[in-house]
Amino acid sequence: MSTSGVSYDTVVFDSDGVLVEPPTRETQLGATRAAFREMGVEDVDHEHLMDIVNGVTSDRLSALCAGYDLEPAEFWAVRERHDERSQFEAFRAGDRTCYDDIDVVLELSQRCGVVSNNHHSTIEFVLSFFGLQSAFDTYYGRPKTIESLALKKPNPHYLERALAELEAENDSALYVGDRETDIVAAERAGIDSAFVRRSHCRGVELAAAPTHEIADLSEIEPLISG
């Protein structure tokens, strides 16, 4: 779905899967196993690991921790530290990198921001590591706390904070993402959305309809210029 003739003066991007390659499932599971081991738990049910990696809620996390006799806040702090470390290591090793079309974003004249479900510290690292700070006027990830889980997209909390900081008008702002939760967050924030059909989400069927669909970021400039 696309709307022609609309121009945007504010563009906000998701990070993982849009600006940079997403973390592998193996890396995420490995970081979670490492957290359990640090907490003294060696034998963890694979389904429980998957629950934590696949968008765990605070209630589910509390239930899982109770089953292993762990204090949720303590476990989560350890897990988030391992998850952050594993991402930094992957970027430094070249196992994850930014997409080749990132140069398109660097050349945009619109006000730009980043809003991600990843840690705020990880987004800060990404922008610094790849020299992208100058391209973005603001960026938001989440703090490494259990409370932040309820504020992840599709909750528009951080997207709305970024839009307010960018002084964006709803009818001229666009959010660019690669997941259905990005589309829903944009809808809830009252702005248009663009779904990027990267290789990892090319065949995904969406229940929520984005305003635009693009193959990669090379299509951004003509799209946002109307």
Protein backbone atom coordinates (compact mmCIF):
# COMPACT_ATOMS: atom_id res chain seq x y z
CA MET A 1 0.00 0.00 0.00
CA SER A 2 1.36 3.44 -0.89
CA THR A 3 0.21 7.01 -0.82
CA SER A 4 1.66 9.20 -3.57
CA GLY A 5 2.15 12.93 -3.43
CA VAL A 6 2.99 13.02 0.29
CA SER A 7 6.24 14.63 1.38
CA TYR A 8 7.85 14.18 4.78
CA ASP A 9 10.07 16.55 6.70
CA THR A 10 10.74 14.11 9.57
CA VAL A 11 11.85 10.50 9.15
CA VAL A 12 12.45 8.10 12.04
CA PHE A 13 14.15 4.75 11.48
CA ASP A 14 14.19 1.49 13.34
CA SER A 15 17.75 0.21 13.79
CA ASP A 16 17.99 -3.60 13.69
CA GLY A 17 16.91 -4.87 10.29
CA VAL A 18 16.72 -1.36 8.82
CA LEU A 19 20.02 0.43 9.46
CA VAL A 20 22.06 -2.54 10.63
CA GLU A 21 21.74 -6.30 10.33
CA PRO A 22 19.63 -7.83 13.09
CA PRO A 23 21.24 -10.04 15.73
CA THR A 24 21.18 -13.75 14.99
CA ARG A 25 18.93 -15.99 17.03
CA GLU A 26 22.00 -18.02 18.01
CA THR A 27 23.68 -14.93 19.47
CA GLN A 28 20.59 -14.00 21.46
CA LEU A 29 20.14 -17.52 22.79
CA GLY A 30 23.83 -17.73 23.67
CA ALA A 31 23.67 -14.51 25.67
CA THR A 32 20.61 -15.77 27.54
CA ARG A 33 22.26 -19.12 28.34
CA ALA A 34 25.31 -17.23 29.61
CA ALA A 35 23.07 -15.21 31.92
CA PHE A 36 21.50 -18.35 33.38
CA ARG A 37 24.94 -19.90 33.88
CA GLU A 38 26.16 -16.79 35.69
CA MET A 39 23.13 -17.11 37.96
CA GLY A 40 24.05 -20.74 38.69
CA VAL A 41 21.55 -22.42 36.36
CA GLU A 42 23.08 -24.84 33.85
CA ASP A 43 20.04 -26.76 32.63
CA VAL A 44 17.51 -24.42 30.98
CA ASP A 45 14.55 -25.56 28.92
CA HIS A 46 15.00 -24.45 25.29
CA GLU A 47 11.42 -23.18 25.16
CA HIS A 48 12.15 -20.94 28.12
CA LEU A 49 15.18 -19.51 26.34
CA MET A 50 13.00 -18.88 23.29
CA ASP A 51 10.37 -17.18 25.44
CA ILE A 52 12.97 -14.73 26.72
CA VAL A 53 14.40 -14.04 23.26
CA ASN A 54 11.02 -13.66 21.57
CA GLY A 55 9.70 -10.53 23.24
CA VAL A 56 9.22 -11.68 26.83
CA THR A 57 6.80 -9.71 28.99
CA SER A 58 7.50 -8.79 32.60
CA ASP A 59 4.83 -11.23 33.81
CA ARG A 60 6.26 -14.10 31.76
CA LEU A 61 9.77 -13.25 32.91
CA SER A 62 8.66 -13.35 36.55
CA ALA A 63 7.04 -16.75 36.01
CA LEU A 64 10.13 -18.14 34.30
CA CYS A 65 12.44 -16.84 37.02
CA ALA A 66 10.21 -18.34 39.72
CA GLY A 67 10.65 -21.75 38.10
CA TYR A 68 14.43 -21.47 38.45
CA ASP A 69 14.32 -19.77 41.87
CA LEU A 70 15.79 -16.54 40.48
CA GLU A 71 15.01 -12.94 41.38
CA PRO A 72 13.65 -11.38 38.15
CA ALA A 73 15.35 -7.96 38.34
CA GLU A 74 18.71 -9.52 39.19
CA PHE A 75 18.47 -12.09 36.40
CA TRP A 76 17.32 -9.50 33.87
CA ALA A 77 20.20 -7.18 34.65
CA VAL A 78 22.63 -10.04 34.02
CA ARG A 79 20.84 -11.12 30.85
CA GLU A 80 20.79 -7.59 29.42
CA ARG A 81 24.50 -7.19 30.16
CA HIS A 82 25.32 -10.40 28.28
CA ASP A 83 22.98 -9.45 25.43
CA GLU A 84 24.61 -6.04 25.08
CA ARG A 85 28.10 -7.56 25.20
CA SER A 86 27.25 -10.16 22.55
CA GLN A 87 26.01 -7.45 20.19
CA PHE A 88 29.09 -5.28 20.66
CA GLU A 89 31.32 -8.31 20.00
CA ALA A 90 29.41 -9.19 16.82
CA PHE A 91 29.78 -5.66 15.43
CA ARG A 92 33.48 -5.46 16.33
CA ALA A 93 34.13 -8.85 14.73
CA GLY A 94 32.33 -7.85 11.54
CA ASP A 95 29.69 -10.55 12.01
CA ARG A 96 27.05 -7.80 11.96
CA THR A 97 27.32 -4.61 9.99
CA CYS A 98 25.26 -1.76 8.59
CA TYR A 99 23.47 -2.22 5.28
CA ASP A 100 25.12 -1.01 2.08
CA ASP A 101 22.30 1.47 1.43
CA ILE A 102 22.96 3.38 4.68
CA ASP A 103 24.61 6.15 2.62
CA VAL A 104 21.13 7.17 1.46
CA VAL A 105 20.24 8.14 5.03
CA LEU A 106 23.43 10.16 5.43
CA GLU A 107 22.39 12.35 2.51
CA LEU A 108 18.85 13.17 3.65
CA SER A 109 18.02 16.80 4.42
CA GLN A 110 14.98 15.91 6.57
CA ARG A 111 15.11 15.79 10.36
CA CYS A 112 15.94 12.18 11.23
CA GLY A 113 15.83 9.99 14.30
CA VAL A 114 16.20 6.39 15.43
CA VAL A 115 13.75 4.49 17.63
CA SER A 116 14.50 0.88 18.49
CA ASN A 117 13.41 -1.86 20.88
CA ASN A 118 17.11 -2.55 21.43
CA HIS A 119 19.00 -1.06 24.37
CA HIS A 120 19.61 2.67 24.27
CA SER A 121 23.28 1.95 24.95
CA THR A 122 23.42 -0.40 21.96
CA ILE A 123 21.93 2.20 19.64
CA GLU A 124 24.47 4.69 20.96
CA PHE A 125 27.23 2.17 20.22
CA VAL A 126 25.94 1.51 16.68
CA LEU A 127 25.77 5.18 15.76
CA SER A 128 29.28 5.78 17.09
CA PHE A 129 30.84 2.60 15.69
CA PHE A 130 29.56 3.24 12.16
CA GLY A 131 30.02 7.01 12.27
CA LEU A 132 26.31 7.74 11.92
CA GLN A 133 25.86 10.34 14.67
CA SER A 134 25.69 13.26 12.24
CA ALA A 135 22.77 11.70 10.34
CA PHE A 136 20.38 11.70 13.30
CA ASP A 137 19.02 14.50 15.45
CA THR A 138 17.83 12.14 18.19
CA TYR A 139 17.73 8.46 19.04
CA TYR A 140 15.88 6.29 21.51
CA GLY A 141 16.35 2.74 22.68
CA ARG A 142 15.12 1.33 25.94
CA PRO A 143 16.87 1.17 29.30
CA LYS A 144 18.00 -2.30 30.38
CA THR A 145 15.18 -2.72 32.89
CA ILE A 146 12.18 -4.98 33.26
CA GLU A 147 9.93 -1.91 33.28
CA SER A 148 11.08 -1.00 29.77
CA LEU A 149 9.59 -4.21 28.34
CA ALA A 150 6.09 -2.73 28.52
CA LEU A 151 7.28 0.30 26.53
CA LYS A 152 8.64 -1.64 23.56
CA LYS A 153 6.94 -1.30 20.20
CA PRO A 154 4.12 -1.66 19.32
CA ASN A 155 3.81 0.73 22.27
CA PRO A 156 4.56 4.11 20.63
CA HIS A 157 6.15 5.53 23.80
CA TYR A 158 9.69 6.05 22.50
CA LEU A 159 8.50 6.92 19.00
CA GLU A 160 6.31 9.68 20.41
CA ARG A 161 9.20 10.97 22.52
CA ALA A 162 11.41 11.15 19.43
CA LEU A 163 8.72 12.88 17.38
CA ALA A 164 8.21 15.46 20.11
CA GLU A 165 11.95 16.13 20.31
CA LEU A 166 12.09 16.51 16.53
CA GLU A 167 9.08 18.87 16.67
CA ALA A 168 7.42 16.72 14.03
CA GLU A 169 3.95 17.24 12.62
CA ASN A 170 2.01 13.98 12.38
CA ASP A 171 0.99 14.53 8.76
CA SER A 172 4.59 14.99 7.63
CA ALA A 173 6.39 12.33 9.68
CA LEU A 174 7.32 8.80 8.62
CA TYR A 175 8.53 5.77 10.57
CA VAL A 176 10.61 3.18 8.70
CA GLY A 177 10.68 -0.37 10.08
CA ASP A 178 10.96 -4.04 9.23
CA ARG A 179 8.42 -5.58 11.62
CA GLU A 180 4.66 -5.46 12.05
CA THR A 181 5.19 -3.95 15.51
CA ASP A 182 6.83 -0.96 13.78
CA ILE A 183 3.76 -0.46 11.61
CA VAL A 184 1.41 -0.68 14.59
CA ALA A 185 3.56 1.73 16.63
CA ALA A 186 3.43 4.26 13.79
CA GLU A 187 -0.36 3.89 13.56
CA ARG A 188 -0.71 4.45 17.30
CA ALA A 189 1.54 7.50 17.09
CA GLY A 190 -0.64 8.87 14.28
CA ILE A 191 2.03 8.90 11.56
CA ASP A 192 2.72 7.12 8.27
CA SER A 193 4.92 4.05 8.02
CA ALA A 194 7.22 2.40 5.51
CA PHE A 195 7.90 -1.33 5.68
CA VAL A 196 11.34 -2.36 4.37
CA ARG A 197 11.26 -5.77 2.68
CA ARG A 198 14.78 -6.85 3.61
CA SER A 199 15.78 -10.47 2.98
CA HIS A 200 14.84 -11.53 6.52
CA CYS A 201 11.26 -10.25 6.16
CA ARG A 202 10.64 -10.50 2.42
CA GLY A 203 7.94 -13.13 2.73
CA VAL A 204 6.31 -11.85 5.92
CA GLU A 205 2.55 -11.37 5.72
CA LEU A 206 1.37 -8.30 7.59
CA ALA A 207 -1.93 -8.00 9.41
CA ALA A 208 -1.35 -4.25 9.75
CA ALA A 209 -1.02 -2.37 6.46
CA PRO A 210 1.92 0.03 6.15
CA THR A 211 1.49 3.28 4.27
CA HIS A 212 4.37 2.30 1.99
CA GLU A 213 6.43 -0.78 1.19
CA ILE A 214 9.99 -0.47 -0.08
CA ALA A 215 12.65 -3.00 -1.06
CA ASP A 216 15.51 -1.14 0.60
CA LEU A 217 16.59 2.34 1.67
CA SER A 218 17.49 3.38 -1.88
CA GLU A 219 13.74 4.01 -2.31
CA ILE A 220 13.52 6.38 0.65
CA GLU A 221 14.57 9.66 -0.94
CA PRO A 222 12.01 9.72 -3.79
CA LEU A 223 9.35 8.38 -1.41
CA ILE A 224 9.74 11.08 1.21
CA SER A 225 10.02 13.85 -1.36
CA GLY A 226 6.47 13.21 -2.54
